Amino acid sequence: MATGHWPAFLIKKMKKEMYIENAVKEIDSPEFAHTKQILEVNEIETENGKYKIENIIEHENQVDIFFNIKDEKYFLCISLDKQSGKVIFPSIRNSNYCYLYATSETKSLEELASYTKIKYTKGFSKGDVIKRANAQKIQKVSSIYFELLETECYETEEAIEKLLDKLSEDKQGIKELIKNSNAVIEICKNQYVSANAGMALSKELLQRLSEFEIGIDIDTYICGKEFIS
């Protein structure tokens, strides 16, 4: 039976398997000097005898496969040509944990949540007692979190874009929350010591942030071992 007549889901599955197979080959027998450089000081995490894959992201012309690095929060990304399945280049990708965080000294968690139809992921009211292993903490302010991204496999700018896409599902409600609280987009960035630390916010992204009237707080943690060669 000709490939063109196979069900679309089966063709997609076969392509996915091809992408993974070719990416794994590059890890096991690197053709790129940069792959060797990365693997000299980084070990790919395994699960059930296979390399652990955090995520696969398809773009217009390429596919990015993110492999977990053992004991680290950044990733090895193998990029492949979407058409041929050949490896284009390897890279280290920093992780970005990006979410909306808002607090209030006068409003309860329920009041903060009432501004938007988007469901929060966690939160506390002022005065709540939070029990921990060997102690307990009384919340001094009410706080609400919207941790809406399914993965941390995004560059900083991309993570912000993705979060804004989610928040735009109830843009007016989120704007009301921001207006009636102390709100900020929080980013915890795990920056590989030998990876690109640059960042560029496009005018379009700045415009989107301006529409929400919200700022960004980025905490960067340098991690990993430097390249040897």
C-alpha atoms as a PDB file:
ATOM      1  CA  MET A   1       0.000   0.000   0.000  1.00  0.00           C
ATOM      2  CA  ALA A   2       1.397   3.401  -0.974  1.00  0.00           C
ATOM      3  CA  THR A   3       2.394   5.688   1.885  1.00  0.00           C
ATOM      4  CA  GLY A   4       0.084   8.397   0.555  1.00  0.00           C
ATOM      5  CA  HIS A   5      -2.922   6.176   1.288  1.00  0.00           C
ATOM      6  CA  TRP A   6      -1.983   5.421   4.875  1.00  0.00           C
ATOM      7  CA  PRO A   7      -4.078   7.068   7.601  1.00  0.00           C
ATOM      8  CA  ALA A   8      -2.750  10.502   8.590  1.00  0.00           C
ATOM      9  CA  PHE A   9      -2.318   9.509  12.242  1.00  0.00           C
ATOM     10  CA  LEU A  10      -0.180   6.517  11.224  1.00  0.00           C
ATOM     11  CA  ILE A  11       2.041   8.638   8.979  1.00  0.00           C
ATOM     12  CA  LYS A  12       2.480  11.131  11.823  1.00  0.00           C
ATOM     13  CA  LYS A  13       3.384   8.311  14.218  1.00  0.00           C
ATOM     14  CA  MET A  14       5.943   6.922  11.775  1.00  0.00           C
ATOM     15  CA  LYS A  15       7.508  10.343  11.287  1.00  0.00           C
ATOM     16  CA  LYS A  16       7.686  10.873  15.043  1.00  0.00           C
ATOM     17  CA  GLU A  17       9.443   7.540  15.468  1.00  0.00           C
ATOM     18  CA  MET A  18      11.878   8.487  12.686  1.00  0.00           C
ATOM     19  CA  TYR A  19      12.656  11.835  14.343  1.00  0.00           C
ATOM     20  CA  ILE A  20      13.320  10.139  17.675  1.00  0.00           C
ATOM     21  CA  GLU A  21      15.424   7.388  16.098  1.00  0.00           C
ATOM     22  CA  ASN A  22      17.614   9.903  14.253  1.00  0.00           C
ATOM     23  CA  ALA A  23      17.980  12.087  17.339  1.00  0.00           C
ATOM     24  CA  VAL A  24      19.020   9.086  19.446  1.00  0.00           C
ATOM     25  CA  LYS A  25      21.581   8.103  16.780  1.00  0.00           C
ATOM     26  CA  GLU A  26      23.146  11.552  17.105  1.00  0.00           C
ATOM     27  CA  ILE A  27      23.457  11.054  20.858  1.00  0.00           C
ATOM     28  CA  ASP A  28      24.885   7.537  20.572  1.00  0.00           C
ATOM     29  CA  SER A  29      27.205   8.295  17.635  1.00  0.00           C
ATOM     30  CA  PRO A  30      27.578  12.084  17.347  1.00  0.00           C
ATOM     31  CA  GLU A  31      28.283  13.538  13.921  1.00  0.00           C
ATOM     32  CA  PHE A  32      28.275  17.099  15.207  1.00  0.00           C
ATOM     33  CA  ALA A  33      31.274  18.302  17.205  1.00  0.00           C
ATOM     34  CA  HIS A  34      28.903  20.326  19.380  1.00  0.00           C
ATOM     35  CA  THR A  35      27.051  17.156  20.406  1.00  0.00           C
ATOM     36  CA  LYS A  36      30.349  15.653  21.573  1.00  0.00           C
ATOM     37  CA  GLN A  37      31.139  18.888  23.407  1.00  0.00           C
ATOM     38  CA  ILE A  38      27.794  18.807  25.213  1.00  0.00           C
ATOM     39  CA  LEU A  39      27.996  15.111  26.131  1.00  0.00           C
ATOM     40  CA  GLU A  40      31.496  15.441  27.546  1.00  0.00           C
ATOM     41  CA  VAL A  41      30.033  17.169  30.600  1.00  0.00           C
ATOM     42  CA  ASN A  42      26.343  16.229  30.477  1.00  0.00           C
ATOM     43  CA  GLU A  43      24.622  12.853  30.822  1.00  0.00           C
ATOM     44  CA  ILE A  44      21.254  12.184  29.229  1.00  0.00           C
ATOM     45  CA  GLU A  45      18.708  10.850  31.711  1.00  0.00           C
ATOM     46  CA  THR A  46      17.296   7.402  30.973  1.00  0.00           C
ATOM     47  CA  GLU A  47      13.968   5.807  31.798  1.00  0.00           C
ATOM     48  CA  ASN A  48      13.203   2.116  31.220  1.00  0.00           C
ATOM     49  CA  GLY A  49      16.395   1.798  29.223  1.00  0.00           C
ATOM     50  CA  LYS A  50      15.606   4.698  26.883  1.00  0.00           C
ATOM     51  CA  TYR A  51      16.656   8.326  26.820  1.00  0.00           C
ATOM     52  CA  LYS A  52      14.043  10.406  28.613  1.00  0.00           C
ATOM     53  CA  ILE A  53      12.287  12.879  26.331  1.00  0.00           C
ATOM     54  CA  GLU A  54      10.734  15.911  27.982  1.00  0.00           C
ATOM     55  CA  ASN A  55       8.945  17.242  24.911  1.00  0.00           C
ATOM     56  CA  ILE A  56       8.742  17.253  21.105  1.00  0.00           C
ATOM     57  CA  ILE A  57       7.868  20.586  19.516  1.00  0.00           C
ATOM     58  CA  GLU A  58       7.051  20.864  15.816  1.00  0.00           C
ATOM     59  CA  HIS A  59       7.703  24.086  13.916  1.00  0.00           C
ATOM     60  CA  GLU A  60       7.012  24.923  10.290  1.00  0.00           C
ATOM     61  CA  ASN A  61      10.249  23.482   8.936  1.00  0.00           C
ATOM     62  CA  GLN A  62      11.870  21.669  11.847  1.00  0.00           C
ATOM     63  CA  VAL A  63      11.200  19.442  14.828  1.00  0.00           C
ATOM     64  CA  ASP A  64      12.864  19.985  18.214  1.00  0.00           C
ATOM     65  CA  ILE A  65      13.272  17.002  20.538  1.00  0.00           C
ATOM     66  CA  PHE A  66      14.135  17.876  24.138  1.00  0.00           C
ATOM     67  CA  PHE A  67      16.049  15.282  26.147  1.00  0.00           C
ATOM     68  CA  ASN A  68      16.342  15.527  29.936  1.00  0.00           C
ATOM     69  CA  ILE A  69      19.816  16.035  31.366  1.00  0.00           C
ATOM     70  CA  LYS A  70      20.523  13.948  34.472  1.00  0.00           C
ATOM     71  CA  ASP A  71      20.288  15.979  37.707  1.00  0.00           C
ATOM     72  CA  GLU A  72      19.764  19.239  35.795  1.00  0.00           C
ATOM     73  CA  LYS A  73      16.810  21.360  34.684  1.00  0.00           C
ATOM     74  CA  TYR A  74      18.081  22.418  31.260  1.00  0.00           C
ATOM     75  CA  PHE A  75      17.767  20.216  28.155  1.00  0.00           C
ATOM     76  CA  LEU A  76      19.649  18.792  25.205  1.00  0.00           C
ATOM     77  CA  CYS A  77      17.696  19.780  22.109  1.00  0.00           C
ATOM     78  CA  ILE A  78      18.190  17.888  18.876  1.00  0.00           C
ATOM     79  CA  SER A  79      16.691  19.808  15.953  1.00  0.00           C
ATOM     80  CA  LEU A  80      15.758  17.907  12.804  1.00  0.00           C
ATOM     81  CA  ASP A  81      14.589  18.861   9.340  1.00  0.00           C
ATOM     82  CA  LYS A  82      10.855  18.243   9.301  1.00  0.00           C
ATOM     83  CA  GLN A  83      10.827  16.919   5.746  1.00  0.00           C
ATOM     84  CA  SER A  84      13.903  14.668   5.636  1.00  0.00           C
ATOM     85  CA  GLY A  85      14.228  13.880   9.351  1.00  0.00           C
ATOM     86  CA  LYS A  86      17.957  14.637   9.258  1.00  0.00           C
ATOM     87  CA  VAL A  87      19.595  16.249  12.268  1.00  0.00           C
ATOM     88  CA  ILE A  88      20.164  19.979  11.664  1.00  0.00           C
ATOM     89  CA  PHE A  89      21.979  20.882  14.869  1.00  0.00           C
ATOM     90  CA  PRO A  90      22.204  20.084  18.576  1.00  0.00           C
ATOM     91  CA  SER A  91      21.974  22.679  21.315  1.00  0.00           C
ATOM     92  CA  ILE A  92      21.549  23.188  25.026  1.00  0.00           C
ATOM     93  CA  ARG A  93      18.232  24.833  25.848  1.00  0.00           C
ATOM     94  CA  ASN A  94      17.658  26.579  29.140  1.00  0.00           C
ATOM     95  CA  SER A  95      14.434  25.876  31.011  1.00  0.00           C
ATOM     96  CA  ASN A  96      11.966  28.639  31.838  1.00  0.00           C
ATOM     97  CA  TYR A  97       9.273  28.162  34.480  1.00  0.00           C
ATOM     98  CA  CYS A  98       6.871  30.994  33.610  1.00  0.00           C
ATOM     99  CA  TYR A  99       3.631  31.847  35.407  1.00  0.00           C
ATOM    100  CA  LEU A 100       1.332  34.675  36.532  1.00  0.00           C
ATOM    101  CA  TYR A 101       1.517  35.494  40.238  1.00  0.00           C
ATOM    102  CA  ALA A 102      -0.680  37.980  42.096  1.00  0.00           C
ATOM    103  CA  THR A 103      -0.971  39.011  45.744  1.00  0.00           C
ATOM    104  CA  SER A 104      -3.256  41.169  47.862  1.00  0.00           C
ATOM    105  CA  GLU A 105      -3.228  42.370  51.473  1.00  0.00           C
ATOM    106  CA  THR A 106      -6.976  43.050  51.500  1.00  0.00           C
ATOM    107  CA  LYS A 107      -8.622  40.441  49.271  1.00  0.00           C
ATOM    108  CA  SER A 108      -9.061  36.700  49.864  1.00  0.00           C
ATOM    109  CA  LEU A 109      -8.045  33.955  47.463  1.00  0.00           C
ATOM    110  CA  GLU A 110     -11.693  33.555  46.463  1.00  0.00           C
ATOM    111  CA  GLU A 111     -11.967  37.257  45.640  1.00  0.00           C
ATOM    112  CA  LEU A 112      -8.803  37.184  43.543  1.00  0.00           C
ATOM    113  CA  ALA A 113     -10.020  34.092  41.693  1.00  0.00           C
ATOM    114  CA  SER A 114     -13.404  35.681  40.981  1.00  0.00           C
ATOM    115  CA  TYR A 115     -11.965  38.211  38.532  1.00  0.00           C
ATOM    116  CA  THR A 116     -11.229  35.648  35.822  1.00  0.00           C
ATOM    117  CA  LYS A 117     -12.745  32.533  34.307  1.00  0.00           C
ATOM    118  CA  ILE A 118      -9.291  30.968  34.058  1.00  0.00           C
ATOM    119  CA  LYS A 119      -8.779  28.450  36.854  1.00  0.00           C
ATOM    120  CA  TYR A 120      -5.811  29.107  39.102  1.00  0.00           C
ATOM    121  CA  THR A 121      -3.370  26.296  39.886  1.00  0.00           C
ATOM    122  CA  LYS A 122      -2.756  27.127  43.548  1.00  0.00           C
ATOM    123  CA  GLY A 123      -3.275  29.914  46.034  1.00  0.00           C
ATOM    124  CA  PHE A 124      -3.711  30.977  49.645  1.00  0.00           C
ATOM    125  CA  SER A 125      -5.716  33.504  51.612  1.00  0.00           C
ATOM    126  CA  LYS A 126      -4.162  35.891  54.085  1.00  0.00           C
ATOM    127  CA  GLY A 127      -4.021  34.178  57.475  1.00  0.00           C
ATOM    128  CA  ASP A 128      -3.948  30.631  56.093  1.00  0.00           C
ATOM    129  CA  VAL A 129      -1.651  28.305  58.014  1.00  0.00           C
ATOM    130  CA  ILE A 130       0.712  26.400  55.721  1.00  0.00           C
ATOM    131  CA  LYS A 131       2.146  23.263  57.323  1.00  0.00           C
ATOM    132  CA  ARG A 132       5.624  22.154  56.311  1.00  0.00           C
ATOM    133  CA  ALA A 133       7.901  19.318  57.362  1.00  0.00           C
ATOM    134  CA  ASN A 134       9.222  20.830  60.587  1.00  0.00           C
ATOM    135  CA  ALA A 135       7.326  24.098  60.854  1.00  0.00           C
ATOM    136  CA  GLN A 136       4.263  26.052  59.858  1.00  0.00           C
ATOM    137  CA  LYS A 137       3.868  29.402  58.170  1.00  0.00           C
ATOM    138  CA  ILE A 138       1.048  31.941  58.393  1.00  0.00           C
ATOM    139  CA  GLN A 139       0.346  33.673  55.093  1.00  0.00           C
ATOM    140  CA  LYS A 140       0.887  37.428  55.404  1.00  0.00           C
ATOM    141  CA  VAL A 141      -0.874  38.168  52.110  1.00  0.00           C
ATOM    142  CA  SER A 142      -3.308  36.384  49.829  1.00  0.00           C
ATOM    143  CA  SER A 143      -1.660  34.910  46.747  1.00  0.00           C
ATOM    144  CA  ILE A 144      -2.788  33.242  43.534  1.00  0.00           C
ATOM    145  CA  TYR A 145      -0.809  31.371  40.878  1.00  0.00           C
ATOM    146  CA  PHE A 146      -1.586  30.638  37.237  1.00  0.00           C
ATOM    147  CA  GLU A 147       0.947  27.997  36.155  1.00  0.00           C
ATOM    148  CA  LEU A 148      -0.549  27.350  32.737  1.00  0.00           C
ATOM    149  CA  LEU A 149       2.329  26.052  30.609  1.00  0.00           C
ATOM    150  CA  GLU A 150       2.680  22.289  30.262  1.00  0.00           C
ATOM    151  CA  THR A 151       6.448  22.349  29.827  1.00  0.00           C
ATOM    152  CA  GLU A 152       9.497  24.473  30.616  1.00  0.00           C
ATOM    153  CA  CYS A 153      11.053  23.708  27.202  1.00  0.00           C
ATOM    154  CA  TYR A 154      10.724  27.254  25.937  1.00  0.00           C
ATOM    155  CA  GLU A 155      13.135  30.120  25.526  1.00  0.00           C
ATOM    156  CA  THR A 156      12.295  33.021  27.826  1.00  0.00           C
ATOM    157  CA  GLU A 157      10.596  35.088  25.128  1.00  0.00           C
ATOM    158  CA  GLU A 158       8.652  32.084  23.849  1.00  0.00           C
ATOM    159  CA  ALA A 159       7.493  31.163  27.363  1.00  0.00           C
ATOM    160  CA  ILE A 160       6.123  34.679  27.868  1.00  0.00           C
ATOM    161  CA  GLU A 161       4.331  34.492  24.512  1.00  0.00           C
ATOM    162  CA  LYS A 162       2.795  31.116  25.369  1.00  0.00           C
ATOM    163  CA  LEU A 163       1.645  32.332  28.787  1.00  0.00           C
ATOM    164  CA  LEU A 164       0.070  35.451  27.271  1.00  0.00           C
ATOM    165  CA  ASP A 165      -1.743  33.221  24.775  1.00  0.00           C
ATOM    166  CA  LYS A 166      -3.262  31.292  27.692  1.00  0.00           C
ATOM    167  CA  LEU A 167      -4.125  34.453  29.625  1.00  0.00           C
ATOM    168  CA  SER A 168      -5.755  35.952  26.521  1.00  0.00           C
ATOM    169  CA  GLU A 169      -8.479  33.301  26.760  1.00  0.00           C
ATOM    170  CA  ASP A 170      -9.985  35.660  29.348  1.00  0.00           C
ATOM    171  CA  LYS A 171      -8.060  38.846  28.672  1.00  0.00           C
ATOM    172  CA  GLN A 172     -10.539  41.195  30.306  1.00  0.00           C
ATOM    173  CA  GLY A 173     -10.819  39.078  33.441  1.00  0.00           C
ATOM    174  CA  ILE A 174      -7.036  38.799  33.809  1.00  0.00           C
ATOM    175  CA  LYS A 175      -6.704  42.561  33.307  1.00  0.00           C
ATOM    176  CA  GLU A 176      -9.224  43.079  36.132  1.00  0.00           C
ATOM    177  CA  LEU A 177      -7.203  40.774  38.365  1.00  0.00           C
ATOM    178  CA  ILE A 178      -4.009  42.663  37.543  1.00  0.00           C
ATOM    179  CA  LYS A 179      -5.749  45.981  38.181  1.00  0.00           C
ATOM    180  CA  ASN A 180      -6.990  44.852  41.605  1.00  0.00           C
ATOM    181  CA  SER A 181      -3.845  43.134  42.904  1.00  0.00           C
ATOM    182  CA  ASN A 182      -0.079  43.223  42.868  1.00  0.00           C
ATOM    183  CA  ALA A 183       0.545  41.051  39.829  1.00  0.00           C
ATOM    184  CA  VAL A 184       3.633  40.078  37.868  1.00  0.00           C
ATOM    185  CA  ILE A 185       4.779  37.466  35.384  1.00  0.00           C
ATOM    186  CA  GLU A 186       7.362  35.397  37.237  1.00  0.00           C
ATOM    187  CA  ILE A 187      10.097  33.470  35.434  1.00  0.00           C
ATOM    188  CA  CYS A 188      12.538  31.035  37.019  1.00  0.00           C
ATOM    189  CA  LYS A 189      15.230  30.542  34.399  1.00  0.00           C
ATOM    190  CA  ASN A 190      17.781  27.739  34.672  1.00  0.00           C
ATOM    191  CA  GLN A 191      20.698  29.068  32.633  1.00  0.00           C
ATOM    192  CA  TYR A 192      23.330  26.575  31.523  1.00  0.00           C
ATOM    193  CA  VAL A 193      26.752  27.995  32.298  1.00  0.00           C
ATOM    194  CA  SER A 194      28.011  27.470  28.730  1.00  0.00           C
ATOM    195  CA  ALA A 195      24.783  28.312  26.892  1.00  0.00           C
ATOM    196  CA  ASN A 196      23.662  31.543  25.281  1.00  0.00           C
ATOM    197  CA  ALA A 197      22.461  33.909  28.005  1.00  0.00           C
ATOM    198  CA  GLY A 198      21.085  36.513  25.619  1.00  0.00           C
ATOM    199  CA  MET A 199      17.469  37.595  25.448  1.00  0.00           C
ATOM    200  CA  ALA A 200      15.548  39.881  23.107  1.00  0.00           C
ATOM    201  CA  LEU A 201      11.981  41.066  23.633  1.00  0.00           C
ATOM    202  CA  SER A 202      10.343  42.043  20.356  1.00  0.00           C
ATOM    203  CA  LYS A 203       8.271  45.195  20.072  1.00  0.00           C
ATOM    204  CA  GLU A 204       5.232  42.975  19.462  1.00  0.00           C
ATOM    205  CA  LEU A 205       5.815  41.137  22.749  1.00  0.00           C
ATOM    206  CA  LEU A 206       6.355  44.408  24.611  1.00  0.00           C
ATOM    207  CA  GLN A 207       3.100  45.673  23.116  1.00  0.00           C
ATOM    208  CA  ARG A 208       1.248  42.596  24.383  1.00  0.00           C
ATOM    209  CA  LEU A 209       2.676  43.089  27.873  1.00  0.00           C
ATOM    210  CA  SER A 210       1.672  46.743  27.729  1.00  0.00           C
ATOM    211  CA  GLU A 211      -1.900  45.743  26.875  1.00  0.00           C
ATOM    212  CA  PHE A 212      -2.045  43.661  30.047  1.00  0.00           C
ATOM    213  CA  GLU A 213      -0.235  46.415  31.997  1.00  0.00           C
ATOM    214  CA  ILE A 214       1.982  43.901  33.731  1.00  0.00           C
ATOM    215  CA  GLY A 215       5.698  43.604  34.445  1.00  0.00           C
ATOM    216  CA  ILE A 216       8.121  40.676  34.451  1.00  0.00           C
ATOM    217  CA  ASP A 217      10.383  39.362  37.211  1.00  0.00           C
ATOM    218  CA  ILE A 218      13.138  37.000  36.011  1.00  0.00           C
ATOM    219  CA  ASP A 219      15.227  34.982  38.470  1.00  0.00           C
ATOM    220  CA  THR A 220      18.192  33.317  36.756  1.00  0.00           C
ATOM    221  CA  TYR A 221      20.012  30.316  38.211  1.00  0.00           C
ATOM    222  CA  ILE A 222      23.364  29.395  36.642  1.00  0.00           C
ATOM    223  CA  CYS A 223      23.831  25.625  36.551  1.00  0.00           C
ATOM    224  CA  GLY A 224      25.756  22.775  34.989  1.00  0.00           C
ATOM    225  CA  LYS A 225      29.422  22.149  34.175  1.00  0.00           C
ATOM    226  CA  GLU A 226      31.316  24.253  31.655  1.00  0.00           C
ATOM    227  CA  PHE A 227      32.360  22.799  28.319  1.00  0.00           C
ATOM    228  CA  ILE A 228      35.795  21.189  28.332  1.00  0.00           C
ATOM    229  CA  SER A 229      36.623  21.413  24.633  1.00  0.00           C
END
